[in-house]
Amino acid sequence: MDKTDRMDGGDVDINRVRLVAIAGPTALGKSEIAVQLAECFGGEILNIDSMQVYRGLDVGTGKPGPELRARIPHHLLDLAEPWEEFNASRFAFVGEPALRDILAWGRLPILCGGTGLYFRALLAGFFDAPAPPKEIRETLERQYQTEGPAPLRERLEAIDPEWARRILPQDARRTIRALEVYETTGRKPSDLRKGQETKPWLERTLMLGIQAPWPVIDQRIEERVERMIRDGLLQEAQWLLGMGGGSRTVRQAIGYKEVFPYLQGEITLDQAKTDLARATKRFARRQMTWFRHQTDAMWLENIDLENMKKKIREFLAFED
């Protein structure tokens, strides 16, 4: 790519492009950290959370509140209605123009969230595979229902071991999607991905991973559950139930599916809170597994804001 790339807001020297990403498990305060870093470095924040793209789902998704959004511009929030399906491909389609605009304005893009696939979609690109015929999807989903995930996983590993390594063994949805791509196109997903245009910012992103000891994370998750209940999670979930529970993706979102049974009179509130805390803790561990295996994040123990600022200053000062 030429040194100067035309973006929507003007000419940008690609060799000077820099992005910062803040990743890590839920409940460690990434949103507040991102705002403080944006204030320090003249940045704007891009949401990288697959559930915060939905309008009206604020408490249950931990969406940045009005006070944070008033301090720093936030992008890629509230993109879809709860009854719509939204995926990584659509996220990349709307996210790249927002990212390019921030770069063209001379601001520092700060990507913040915990959805690994959305990070990959925006930073590395997302290959454009055709939608599969209905019968292919139905056959694979029927096999998953009757035989479980293991045979599908084994088949993907045999067809495309490189792509299989990108997917957690228990992630049946993405395993099925990869097999759909193969059966529809006759080509391995990893080969299709290699044929895509390399994004100019892929190698120009500093990814900072925030971590803490698991007892600390677990405690913060339990505190977060109590705070969400106080802040109106039950009312938000009741509103969602009134619309039929939202799309398939929304109905399975952690934070809502655990309290739906309580609202329907099937379990106690204490049980709902226990279920929510347990599901969130499992999710946090899956997040850490993904980021550690799929990214080159620089991991910082606990929340060391001054150290993060130091790393960013060094990164921004680097000249190609």
C-alpha atoms as a PDB file:
ATOM      1  CA  MET A   1       0.000   0.000   0.000  1.00  0.00           C
ATOM      2  CA  ASP A   2       1.243   3.486  -0.736  1.00  0.00           C
ATOM      3  CA  LYS A   3       2.558   5.559   2.124  1.00  0.00           C
ATOM      4  CA  THR A   4      -0.412   7.894   1.862  1.00  0.00           C
ATOM      5  CA  ASP A   5      -3.834   6.285   1.873  1.00  0.00           C
ATOM      6  CA  ARG A   6      -6.976   8.233   1.092  1.00  0.00           C
ATOM      7  CA  MET A   7      -9.471   7.977   3.933  1.00  0.00           C
ATOM      8  CA  ASP A   8     -12.883   9.572   4.290  1.00  0.00           C
ATOM      9  CA  GLY A   9     -11.589  12.538   6.250  1.00  0.00           C
ATOM     10  CA  GLY A  10      -8.437  13.202   4.224  1.00  0.00           C
ATOM     11  CA  ASP A  11      -4.959  11.845   3.553  1.00  0.00           C
ATOM     12  CA  VAL A  12      -3.350   9.730   6.269  1.00  0.00           C
ATOM     13  CA  ASP A  13       0.259   8.618   6.426  1.00  0.00           C
ATOM     14  CA  ILE A  14      -0.167   4.871   6.891  1.00  0.00           C
ATOM     15  CA  ASN A  15       3.369   4.580   8.246  1.00  0.00           C
ATOM     16  CA  ARG A  16       2.325   6.753  11.175  1.00  0.00           C
ATOM     17  CA  VAL A  17      -0.970   5.006  11.899  1.00  0.00           C
ATOM     18  CA  ARG A  18      -1.249   3.697  15.444  1.00  0.00           C
ATOM     19  CA  LEU A  19      -4.098   1.937  17.248  1.00  0.00           C
ATOM     20  CA  VAL A  20      -4.436   0.896  20.876  1.00  0.00           C
ATOM     21  CA  ALA A  21      -6.608  -2.002  22.013  1.00  0.00           C
ATOM     22  CA  ILE A  22      -7.712  -2.720  25.583  1.00  0.00           C
ATOM     23  CA  ALA A  23      -8.734  -6.352  26.034  1.00  0.00           C
ATOM     24  CA  GLY A  24      -9.319  -8.785  28.832  1.00  0.00           C
ATOM     25  CA  PRO A  25     -12.007 -10.524  30.881  1.00  0.00           C
ATOM     26  CA  THR A  26     -15.220  -8.920  31.983  1.00  0.00           C
ATOM     27  CA  ALA A  27     -15.637  -6.904  35.202  1.00  0.00           C
ATOM     28  CA  LEU A  28     -12.139  -5.390  35.330  1.00  0.00           C
ATOM     29  CA  GLY A  29     -13.242  -1.876  34.421  1.00  0.00           C
ATOM     30  CA  LYS A  30     -12.004  -1.693  30.826  1.00  0.00           C
ATOM     31  CA  SER A  31     -14.496   1.045  29.923  1.00  0.00           C
ATOM     32  CA  GLU A  32     -13.239   3.467  32.569  1.00  0.00           C
ATOM     33  CA  ILE A  33      -9.620   2.677  31.720  1.00  0.00           C
ATOM     34  CA  ALA A  34     -10.245   3.336  28.023  1.00  0.00           C
ATOM     35  CA  VAL A  35     -11.794   6.717  28.795  1.00  0.00           C
ATOM     36  CA  GLN A  36      -8.856   7.772  30.961  1.00  0.00           C
ATOM     37  CA  LEU A  37      -6.401   6.720  28.255  1.00  0.00           C
ATOM     38  CA  ALA A  38      -8.415   8.532  25.585  1.00  0.00           C
ATOM     39  CA  GLU A  39      -8.360  11.701  27.682  1.00  0.00           C
ATOM     40  CA  CYS A  40      -4.601  11.401  28.063  1.00  0.00           C
ATOM     41  CA  PHE A  41      -3.748  10.671  24.413  1.00  0.00           C
ATOM     42  CA  GLY A  42      -6.439  12.468  22.409  1.00  0.00           C
ATOM     43  CA  GLY A  43      -8.328   9.310  21.573  1.00  0.00           C
ATOM     44  CA  GLU A  44     -11.796   8.122  20.702  1.00  0.00           C
ATOM     45  CA  ILE A  45     -13.215   4.769  21.726  1.00  0.00           C
ATOM     46  CA  LEU A  46     -14.528   1.986  19.529  1.00  0.00           C
ATOM     47  CA  ASN A  47     -16.715  -0.587  21.261  1.00  0.00           C
ATOM     48  CA  ILE A  48     -15.583  -4.180  20.668  1.00  0.00           C
ATOM     49  CA  ASP A  49     -18.365  -5.950  22.560  1.00  0.00           C
ATOM     50  CA  SER A  50     -20.842  -8.079  20.633  1.00  0.00           C
ATOM     51  CA  MET A  51     -23.779  -7.317  22.939  1.00  0.00           C
ATOM     52  CA  GLN A  52     -23.240  -3.581  23.418  1.00  0.00           C
ATOM     53  CA  VAL A  53     -24.161  -3.106  19.755  1.00  0.00           C
ATOM     54  CA  TYR A  54     -27.833  -3.588  20.765  1.00  0.00           C
ATOM     55  CA  ARG A  55     -30.007  -0.604  21.630  1.00  0.00           C
ATOM     56  CA  GLY A  56     -31.741  -0.745  24.984  1.00  0.00           C
ATOM     57  CA  LEU A  57     -29.493  -3.453  26.404  1.00  0.00           C
ATOM     58  CA  ASP A  58     -27.467  -1.257  28.721  1.00  0.00           C
ATOM     59  CA  VAL A  59     -27.358  -2.713  32.221  1.00  0.00           C
ATOM     60  CA  GLY A  60     -27.055  -6.356  31.244  1.00  0.00           C
ATOM     61  CA  THR A  61     -24.204  -5.700  28.816  1.00  0.00           C
ATOM     62  CA  GLY A  62     -22.225  -3.336  31.029  1.00  0.00           C
ATOM     63  CA  LYS A  63     -22.475  -0.634  28.377  1.00  0.00           C
ATOM     64  CA  PRO A  64     -20.577   2.594  29.183  1.00  0.00           C
ATOM     65  CA  GLY A  65     -22.970   4.994  30.874  1.00  0.00           C
ATOM     66  CA  PRO A  66     -23.825   8.592  29.907  1.00  0.00           C
ATOM     67  CA  GLU A  67     -21.105  10.020  32.151  1.00  0.00           C
ATOM     68  CA  LEU A  68     -18.327   8.116  30.357  1.00  0.00           C
ATOM     69  CA  ARG A  69     -19.781   8.763  26.916  1.00  0.00           C
ATOM     70  CA  ALA A  70     -19.985  12.483  27.713  1.00  0.00           C
ATOM     71  CA  ARG A  71     -16.258  12.605  28.467  1.00  0.00           C
ATOM     72  CA  ILE A  72     -15.029  10.907  25.272  1.00  0.00           C
ATOM     73  CA  PRO A  73     -16.719  10.068  21.933  1.00  0.00           C
ATOM     74  CA  HIS A  74     -17.711   6.404  21.716  1.00  0.00           C
ATOM     75  CA  HIS A  75     -18.365   4.549  18.468  1.00  0.00           C
ATOM     76  CA  LEU A  76     -20.015   1.230  17.491  1.00  0.00           C
ATOM     77  CA  LEU A  77     -22.567   1.240  20.293  1.00  0.00           C
ATOM     78  CA  ASP A  78     -26.347   0.906  19.716  1.00  0.00           C
ATOM     79  CA  LEU A  79     -26.096  -0.323  16.130  1.00  0.00           C
ATOM     80  CA  ALA A  80     -29.018  -2.772  16.080  1.00  0.00           C
ATOM     81  CA  GLU A  81     -32.403  -3.476  17.628  1.00  0.00           C
ATOM     82  CA  PRO A  82     -32.635  -6.401  20.068  1.00  0.00           C
ATOM     83  CA  TRP A  83     -34.731  -8.453  17.648  1.00  0.00           C
ATOM     84  CA  GLU A  84     -32.081  -8.188  14.901  1.00  0.00           C
ATOM     85  CA  GLU A  85     -29.271 -10.664  14.364  1.00  0.00           C
ATOM     86  CA  PHE A  86     -25.840  -9.053  14.383  1.00  0.00           C
ATOM     87  CA  ASN A  87     -22.539 -10.789  13.630  1.00  0.00           C
ATOM     88  CA  ALA A  88     -18.829 -10.162  13.206  1.00  0.00           C
ATOM     89  CA  SER A  89     -19.099  -9.664   9.452  1.00  0.00           C
ATOM     90  CA  ARG A  90     -21.670  -6.901   9.877  1.00  0.00           C
ATOM     91  CA  PHE A  91     -19.582  -5.410  12.678  1.00  0.00           C
ATOM     92  CA  ALA A  92     -16.526  -5.199  10.431  1.00  0.00           C
ATOM     93  CA  PHE A  93     -18.613  -3.614   7.674  1.00  0.00           C
ATOM     94  CA  VAL A  94     -19.744  -0.711   9.896  1.00  0.00           C
ATOM     95  CA  GLY A  95     -16.639  -0.621  12.073  1.00  0.00           C
ATOM     96  CA  GLU A  96     -13.991  -0.012   9.436  1.00  0.00           C
ATOM     97  CA  PRO A  97     -15.434   3.336   8.246  1.00  0.00           C
ATOM     98  CA  ALA A  98     -15.624   4.510  11.870  1.00  0.00           C
ATOM     99  CA  LEU A  99     -12.019   3.492  12.438  1.00  0.00           C
ATOM    100  CA  ARG A 100     -10.866   5.221   9.267  1.00  0.00           C
ATOM    101  CA  ASP A 101     -12.709   8.403  10.232  1.00  0.00           C
ATOM    102  CA  ILE A 102     -10.975   8.561  13.611  1.00  0.00           C
ATOM    103  CA  LEU A 103      -7.594   8.098  11.960  1.00  0.00           C
ATOM    104  CA  ALA A 104      -8.368  10.776   9.372  1.00  0.00           C
ATOM    105  CA  TRP A 105      -9.342  13.199  12.129  1.00  0.00           C
ATOM    106  CA  GLY A 106      -5.908  12.735  13.684  1.00  0.00           C
ATOM    107  CA  ARG A 107      -7.292  11.061  16.780  1.00  0.00           C
ATOM    108  CA  LEU A 108      -6.024   7.863  18.426  1.00  0.00           C
ATOM    109  CA  PRO A 109      -8.446   4.944  18.016  1.00  0.00           C
ATOM    110  CA  ILE A 110      -8.782   3.018  21.270  1.00  0.00           C
ATOM    111  CA  LEU A 111     -10.528  -0.316  20.808  1.00  0.00           C
ATOM    112  CA  CYS A 112     -12.098  -1.572  24.018  1.00  0.00           C
ATOM    113  CA  GLY A 113     -14.013  -4.742  24.762  1.00  0.00           C
ATOM    114  CA  GLY A 114     -13.990  -8.454  25.381  1.00  0.00           C
ATOM    115  CA  THR A 115     -15.290 -10.049  22.164  1.00  0.00           C
ATOM    116  CA  GLY A 116     -12.293 -11.661  20.540  1.00  0.00           C
ATOM    117  CA  LEU A 117     -13.925 -12.374  17.193  1.00  0.00           C
ATOM    118  CA  TYR A 118     -14.946  -8.729  16.830  1.00  0.00           C
ATOM    119  CA  PHE A 119     -11.369  -7.629  17.500  1.00  0.00           C
ATOM    120  CA  ARG A 120     -10.213  -9.983  14.759  1.00  0.00           C
ATOM    121  CA  ALA A 121     -12.934  -8.867  12.356  1.00  0.00           C
ATOM    122  CA  LEU A 122     -11.967  -5.200  12.659  1.00  0.00           C
ATOM    123  CA  LEU A 123      -8.193  -5.507  12.937  1.00  0.00           C
ATOM    124  CA  ALA A 124      -7.486  -8.354  10.535  1.00  0.00           C
ATOM    125  CA  GLY A 125     -10.571  -8.273   8.346  1.00  0.00           C
ATOM    126  CA  PHE A 126     -13.344 -10.770   7.926  1.00  0.00           C
ATOM    127  CA  PHE A 127     -13.506 -12.903   4.836  1.00  0.00           C
ATOM    128  CA  ASP A 128     -16.663 -12.619   2.785  1.00  0.00           C
ATOM    129  CA  ALA A 129     -18.135 -16.109   2.389  1.00  0.00           C
ATOM    130  CA  PRO A 130     -21.506 -16.705   0.759  1.00  0.00           C
ATOM    131  CA  ALA A 131     -24.504 -17.702   2.844  1.00  0.00           C
ATOM    132  CA  PRO A 132     -24.899 -21.481   2.806  1.00  0.00           C
ATOM    133  CA  PRO A 133     -27.888 -23.233   1.281  1.00  0.00           C
ATOM    134  CA  LYS A 134     -30.548 -23.880   3.891  1.00  0.00           C
ATOM    135  CA  GLU A 135     -30.156 -27.652   3.653  1.00  0.00           C
ATOM    136  CA  ILE A 136     -26.433 -27.507   4.512  1.00  0.00           C
ATOM    137  CA  ARG A 137     -27.046 -25.491   7.671  1.00  0.00           C
ATOM    138  CA  GLU A 138     -29.974 -27.695   8.717  1.00  0.00           C
ATOM    139  CA  THR A 139     -27.943 -30.868   8.209  1.00  0.00           C
ATOM    140  CA  LEU A 140     -25.032 -29.613  10.304  1.00  0.00           C
ATOM    141  CA  GLU A 141     -27.274 -28.305  13.074  1.00  0.00           C
ATOM    142  CA  ARG A 142     -29.198 -31.599  13.125  1.00  0.00           C
ATOM    143  CA  GLN A 143     -25.917 -33.482  13.458  1.00  0.00           C
ATOM    144  CA  TYR A 144     -24.925 -31.232  16.348  1.00  0.00           C
ATOM    145  CA  GLN A 145     -28.248 -31.846  18.092  1.00  0.00           C
ATOM    146  CA  THR A 146     -28.047 -35.627  17.739  1.00  0.00           C
ATOM    147  CA  GLU A 147     -24.310 -36.315  18.045  1.00  0.00           C
ATOM    148  CA  GLY A 148     -22.926 -33.342  19.952  1.00  0.00           C
ATOM    149  CA  PRO A 149     -19.975 -31.129  19.013  1.00  0.00           C
ATOM    150  CA  ALA A 150     -17.175 -33.730  18.931  1.00  0.00           C
ATOM    151  CA  PRO A 151     -17.796 -35.215  15.431  1.00  0.00           C
ATOM    152  CA  LEU A 152     -18.134 -31.741  13.910  1.00  0.00           C
ATOM    153  CA  ARG A 153     -14.931 -30.629  15.600  1.00  0.00           C
ATOM    154  CA  GLU A 154     -13.061 -33.723  14.389  1.00  0.00           C
ATOM    155  CA  ARG A 155     -14.245 -33.123  10.854  1.00  0.00           C
ATOM    156  CA  LEU A 156     -13.106 -29.497  10.873  1.00  0.00           C
ATOM    157  CA  GLU A 157      -9.700 -30.514  12.254  1.00  0.00           C
ATOM    158  CA  ALA A 158      -9.340 -32.985   9.390  1.00  0.00           C
ATOM    159  CA  ILE A 159     -10.451 -30.485   6.727  1.00  0.00           C
ATOM    160  CA  ASP A 160      -8.754 -27.333   7.990  1.00  0.00           C
ATOM    161  CA  PRO A 161      -6.563 -27.799  11.077  1.00  0.00           C
ATOM    162  CA  GLU A 162      -5.265 -24.228  10.797  1.00  0.00           C
ATOM    163  CA  TRP A 163      -8.771 -22.779  11.095  1.00  0.00           C
ATOM    164  CA  ALA A 164      -9.741 -25.272  13.811  1.00  0.00           C
ATOM    165  CA  ARG A 165      -6.968 -23.880  16.004  1.00  0.00           C
ATOM    166  CA  ARG A 166      -8.715 -20.496  15.894  1.00  0.00           C
ATOM    167  CA  ILE A 167     -11.903 -21.922  17.412  1.00  0.00           C
ATOM    168  CA  LEU A 168     -12.334 -23.123  20.985  1.00  0.00           C
ATOM    169  CA  PRO A 169     -13.343 -26.815  21.067  1.00  0.00           C
ATOM    170  CA  GLN A 170     -16.664 -26.051  22.757  1.00  0.00           C
ATOM    171  CA  ASP A 171     -17.617 -23.315  20.256  1.00  0.00           C
ATOM    172  CA  ALA A 172     -20.122 -25.283  18.195  1.00  0.00           C
ATOM    173  CA  ARG A 173     -21.572 -22.236  16.442  1.00  0.00           C
ATOM    174  CA  ARG A 174     -18.286 -21.192  14.815  1.00  0.00           C
ATOM    175  CA  THR A 175     -17.376 -24.804  14.068  1.00  0.00           C
ATOM    176  CA  ILE A 176     -20.645 -25.185  12.173  1.00  0.00           C
ATOM    177  CA  ARG A 177     -20.054 -21.902  10.367  1.00  0.00           C
ATOM    178  CA  ALA A 178     -16.597 -23.044   9.203  1.00  0.00           C
ATOM    179  CA  LEU A 179     -18.033 -26.312   7.883  1.00  0.00           C
ATOM    180  CA  GLU A 180     -20.809 -24.362   6.135  1.00  0.00           C
ATOM    181  CA  VAL A 181     -18.180 -22.274   4.361  1.00  0.00           C
ATOM    182  CA  TYR A 182     -16.276 -25.366   3.263  1.00  0.00           C
ATOM    183  CA  GLU A 183     -19.355 -27.189   1.987  1.00  0.00           C
ATOM    184  CA  THR A 184     -20.685 -24.108   0.199  1.00  0.00           C
ATOM    185  CA  THR A 185     -17.442 -23.007  -1.478  1.00  0.00           C
ATOM    186  CA  GLY A 186     -15.346 -26.167  -1.582  1.00  0.00           C
ATOM    187  CA  ARG A 187     -12.486 -24.157  -0.088  1.00  0.00           C
ATOM    188  CA  LYS A 188     -10.961 -24.150   3.365  1.00  0.00           C
ATOM    189  CA  PRO A 189     -11.830 -21.092   5.497  1.00  0.00           C
ATOM    190  CA  SER A 190      -8.123 -20.519   6.176  1.00  0.00           C
ATOM    191  CA  ASP A 191      -7.431 -20.312   2.423  1.00  0.00           C
ATOM    192  CA  LEU A 192     -10.301 -17.882   1.912  1.00  0.00           C
ATOM    193  CA  ARG A 193      -9.008 -15.745   4.774  1.00  0.00           C
ATOM    194  CA  LYS A 194      -5.505 -15.567   3.267  1.00  0.00           C
ATOM    195  CA  GLY A 195      -6.947 -14.195   0.066  1.00  0.00           C
ATOM    196  CA  GLN A 196      -8.377 -11.149   1.749  1.00  0.00           C
ATOM    197  CA  GLU A 197      -6.730  -7.740   1.693  1.00  0.00           C
ATOM    198  CA  THR A 198      -4.434  -7.141   4.647  1.00  0.00           C
ATOM    199  CA  LYS A 199      -5.620  -4.227   6.745  1.00  0.00           C
ATOM    200  CA  PRO A 200      -3.059  -1.421   7.016  1.00  0.00           C
ATOM    201  CA  TRP A 201      -3.407  -1.226  10.787  1.00  0.00           C
ATOM    202  CA  LEU A 202      -3.047  -4.952  11.558  1.00  0.00           C
ATOM    203  CA  GLU A 203       0.627  -4.648  12.480  1.00  0.00           C
ATOM    204  CA  ARG A 204       0.227  -1.164  13.940  1.00  0.00           C
ATOM    205  CA  THR A 205      -1.895  -2.005  16.951  1.00  0.00           C
ATOM    206  CA  LEU A 206      -0.725  -2.160  20.541  1.00  0.00           C
ATOM    207  CA  MET A 207      -2.983  -4.612  22.363  1.00  0.00           C
ATOM    208  CA  LEU A 208      -2.850  -4.285  26.123  1.00  0.00           C
ATOM    209  CA  GLY A 209      -4.385  -7.143  28.058  1.00  0.00           C
ATOM    210  CA  ILE A 210      -5.723  -6.443  31.534  1.00  0.00           C
ATOM    211  CA  GLN A 211      -5.577  -9.330  33.963  1.00  0.00           C
ATOM    212  CA  ALA A 212      -5.866  -9.980  37.687  1.00  0.00           C
ATOM    213  CA  PRO A 213      -5.776 -13.039  39.964  1.00  0.00           C
ATOM    214  CA  TRP A 214      -8.885 -15.166  39.529  1.00  0.00           C
ATOM    215  CA  PRO A 215     -10.117 -14.610  43.114  1.00  0.00           C
ATOM    216  CA  VAL A 216     -10.085 -10.857  42.377  1.00  0.00           C
ATOM    217  CA  ILE A 217     -11.957 -11.293  39.102  1.00  0.00           C
ATOM    218  CA  ASP A 218     -14.513 -13.602  40.721  1.00  0.00           C
ATOM    219  CA  GLN A 219     -15.141 -11.108  43.520  1.00  0.00           C
ATOM    220  CA  ARG A 220     -15.596  -8.261  41.044  1.00  0.00           C
ATOM    221  CA  ILE A 221     -18.036 -10.367  39.050  1.00  0.00           C
ATOM    222  CA  GLU A 222     -20.133 -11.048  42.160  1.00  0.00           C
ATOM    223  CA  GLU A 223     -20.126  -7.333  42.983  1.00  0.00           C
ATOM    224  CA  ARG A 224     -21.085  -6.553  39.408  1.00  0.00           C
ATOM    225  CA  VAL A 225     -24.072  -8.900  39.567  1.00  0.00           C
ATOM    226  CA  GLU A 226     -25.388  -7.115  42.661  1.00  0.00           C
ATOM    227  CA  ARG A 227     -24.829  -3.734  41.024  1.00  0.00           C
ATOM    228  CA  MET A 228     -26.643  -4.805  37.852  1.00  0.00           C
ATOM    229  CA  ILE A 229     -29.668  -5.880  39.880  1.00  0.00           C
ATOM    230  CA  ARG A 230     -29.689  -2.516  41.680  1.00  0.00           C
ATOM    231  CA  ASP A 231     -29.288  -0.620  38.407  1.00  0.00           C
ATOM    232  CA  GLY A 232     -32.305  -2.168  36.723  1.00  0.00           C
ATOM    233  CA  LEU A 233     -31.306  -5.456  35.081  1.00  0.00           C
ATOM    234  CA  LEU A 234     -34.645  -7.070  35.974  1.00  0.00           C
ATOM    235  CA  GLN A 235     -36.628  -4.238  34.404  1.00  0.00           C
ATOM    236  CA  GLU A 236     -34.463  -4.378  31.293  1.00  0.00           C
ATOM    237  CA  ALA A 237     -34.925  -8.151  31.033  1.00  0.00           C
ATOM    238  CA  GLN A 238     -38.670  -7.812  31.536  1.00  0.00           C
ATOM    239  CA  TRP A 239     -38.806  -5.296  28.686  1.00  0.00           C
ATOM    240  CA  LEU A 240     -36.893  -7.741  26.544  1.00  0.00           C
ATOM    241  CA  LEU A 241     -39.240 -10.590  27.430  1.00  0.00           C
ATOM    242  CA  GLY A 242     -42.152  -8.410  26.376  1.00  0.00           C
ATOM    243  CA  MET A 243     -40.667  -8.424  22.860  1.00  0.00           C
ATOM    244  CA  GLY A 244     -40.321 -12.190  22.837  1.00  0.00           C
ATOM    245  CA  GLY A 245     -36.802 -12.236  24.246  1.00  0.00           C
ATOM    246  CA  GLY A 246     -35.099 -10.665  21.245  1.00  0.00           C
ATOM    247  CA  SER A 247     -33.074 -12.384  18.534  1.00  0.00           C
ATOM    248  CA  ARG A 248     -31.496 -15.800  19.009  1.00  0.00           C
ATOM    249  CA  THR A 249     -28.191 -14.135  19.887  1.00  0.00           C
ATOM    250  CA  VAL A 250     -29.788 -11.812  22.433  1.00  0.00           C
ATOM    251  CA  ARG A 251     -31.801 -14.598  24.051  1.00  0.00           C
ATOM    252  CA  GLN A 252     -28.547 -16.412  24.800  1.00  0.00           C
ATOM    253  CA  ALA A 253     -26.731 -13.354  26.151  1.00  0.00           C
ATOM    254  CA  ILE A 254     -25.256 -13.703  29.620  1.00  0.00           C
ATOM    255  CA  GLY A 255     -27.106 -11.357  31.917  1.00  0.00           C
ATOM    256  CA  TYR A 256     -30.546 -11.984  30.446  1.00  0.00           C
ATOM    257  CA  LYS A 257     -31.004 -15.711  30.018  1.00  0.00           C
ATOM    258  CA  GLU A 258     -30.095 -16.244  33.690  1.00  0.00           C
ATOM    259  CA  VAL A 259     -32.811 -13.891  34.971  1.00  0.00           C
ATOM    260  CA  PHE A 260     -35.552 -14.853  32.493  1.00  0.00           C
ATOM    261  CA  PRO A 261     -36.502 -17.923  34.610  1.00  0.00           C
ATOM    262  CA  TYR A 262     -36.883 -15.711  37.680  1.00  0.00           C
ATOM    263  CA  LEU A 263     -39.155 -13.295  35.827  1.00  0.00           C
ATOM    264  CA  GLN A 264     -41.217 -16.269  34.656  1.00  0.00           C
ATOM    265  CA  GLY A 265     -41.605 -17.543  38.230  1.00  0.00           C
ATOM    266  CA  GLU A 266     -39.447 -20.624  37.793  1.00  0.00           C
ATOM    267  CA  ILE A 267     -36.587 -19.846  40.223  1.00  0.00           C
ATOM    268  CA  THR A 268     -35.815 -17.469  43.091  1.00  0.00           C
ATOM    269  CA  LEU A 269     -33.926 -14.218  42.680  1.00  0.00           C
ATOM    270  CA  ASP A 270     -31.031 -15.623  44.724  1.00  0.00           C
ATOM    271  CA  GLN A 271     -30.796 -18.555  42.338  1.00  0.00           C
ATOM    272  CA  ALA A 272     -30.847 -16.214  39.343  1.00  0.00           C
ATOM    273  CA  LYS A 273     -28.003 -14.170  40.814  1.00  0.00           C
ATOM    274  CA  THR A 274     -26.010 -17.327  41.535  1.00  0.00           C
ATOM    275  CA  ASP A 275     -26.564 -18.576  37.984  1.00  0.00           C
ATOM    276  CA  LEU A 276     -25.555 -15.215  36.543  1.00  0.00           C
ATOM    277  CA  ALA A 277     -22.363 -15.007  38.582  1.00  0.00           C
ATOM    278  CA  ARG A 278     -21.430 -18.583  37.678  1.00  0.00           C
ATOM    279  CA  ALA A 279     -22.055 -18.058  33.959  1.00  0.00           C
ATOM    280  CA  THR A 280     -20.064 -14.806  33.973  1.00  0.00           C
ATOM    281  CA  LYS A 281     -17.099 -16.456  35.686  1.00  0.00           C
ATOM    282  CA  ARG A 282     -17.058 -19.223  33.072  1.00  0.00           C
ATOM    283  CA  PHE A 283     -17.281 -16.605  30.337  1.00  0.00           C
ATOM    284  CA  ALA A 284     -14.335 -14.647  31.799  1.00  0.00           C
ATOM    285  CA  ARG A 285     -12.187 -17.759  31.654  1.00  0.00           C
ATOM    286  CA  ARG A 286     -13.151 -18.392  28.041  1.00  0.00           C
ATOM    287  CA  GLN A 287     -12.232 -14.802  27.218  1.00  0.00           C
ATOM    288  CA  MET A 288      -8.779 -15.210  28.742  1.00  0.00           C
ATOM    289  CA  THR A 289      -8.221 -18.473  26.883  1.00  0.00           C
ATOM    290  CA  TRP A 290      -9.114 -16.848  23.571  1.00  0.00           C
ATOM    291  CA  PHE A 291      -6.996 -13.724  24.016  1.00  0.00           C
ATOM    292  CA  ARG A 292      -3.965 -15.663  25.236  1.00  0.00           C
ATOM    293  CA  HIS A 293      -4.060 -18.111  22.346  1.00  0.00           C
ATOM    294  CA  GLN A 294      -5.256 -15.850  19.517  1.00  0.00           C
ATOM    295  CA  THR A 295      -3.471 -12.533  20.113  1.00  0.00           C
ATOM    296  CA  ASP A 296      -0.055 -11.136  20.962  1.00  0.00           C
ATOM    297  CA  ALA A 297      -1.444  -8.962  23.736  1.00  0.00           C
ATOM    298  CA  MET A 298       0.947  -7.448  26.243  1.00  0.00           C
ATOM    299  CA  TRP A 299      -0.494  -8.565  29.565  1.00  0.00           C
ATOM    300  CA  LEU A 300      -0.395  -6.234  32.551  1.00  0.00           C
ATOM    301  CA  GLU A 301      -1.099  -7.567  36.009  1.00  0.00           C
ATOM    302  CA  ASN A 302      -3.963  -5.804  37.762  1.00  0.00           C
ATOM    303  CA  ILE A 303      -4.907  -2.292  36.654  1.00  0.00           C
ATOM    304  CA  ASP A 304      -1.662  -0.335  36.383  1.00  0.00           C
ATOM    305  CA  LEU A 305      -2.772   2.802  34.565  1.00  0.00           C
ATOM    306  CA  GLU A 306       0.602   4.546  34.728  1.00  0.00           C
ATOM    307  CA  ASN A 307       2.365   1.541  33.243  1.00  0.00           C
ATOM    308  CA  MET A 308      -0.234   1.425  30.481  1.00  0.00           C
ATOM    309  CA  LYS A 309       0.404   5.099  29.696  1.00  0.00           C
ATOM    310  CA  LYS A 310       4.135   4.406  29.570  1.00  0.00           C
ATOM    311  CA  LYS A 311       3.663   1.544  27.097  1.00  0.00           C
ATOM    312  CA  ILE A 312       1.422   3.688  24.898  1.00  0.00           C
ATOM    313  CA  ARG A 313       3.876   6.628  24.901  1.00  0.00           C
ATOM    314  CA  GLU A 314       6.662   4.306  23.776  1.00  0.00           C
ATOM    315  CA  PHE A 315       4.417   2.806  21.098  1.00  0.00           C
ATOM    316  CA  LEU A 316       3.288   6.197  19.747  1.00  0.00           C
ATOM    317  CA  ALA A 317       6.858   7.507  19.658  1.00  0.00           C
ATOM    318  CA  PHE A 318       8.113   4.595  17.547  1.00  0.00           C
ATOM    319  CA  GLU A 319       9.032   5.522  13.968  1.00  0.00           C
ATOM    320  CA  ASP A 320       9.054   2.963  11.147  1.00  0.00           C
END
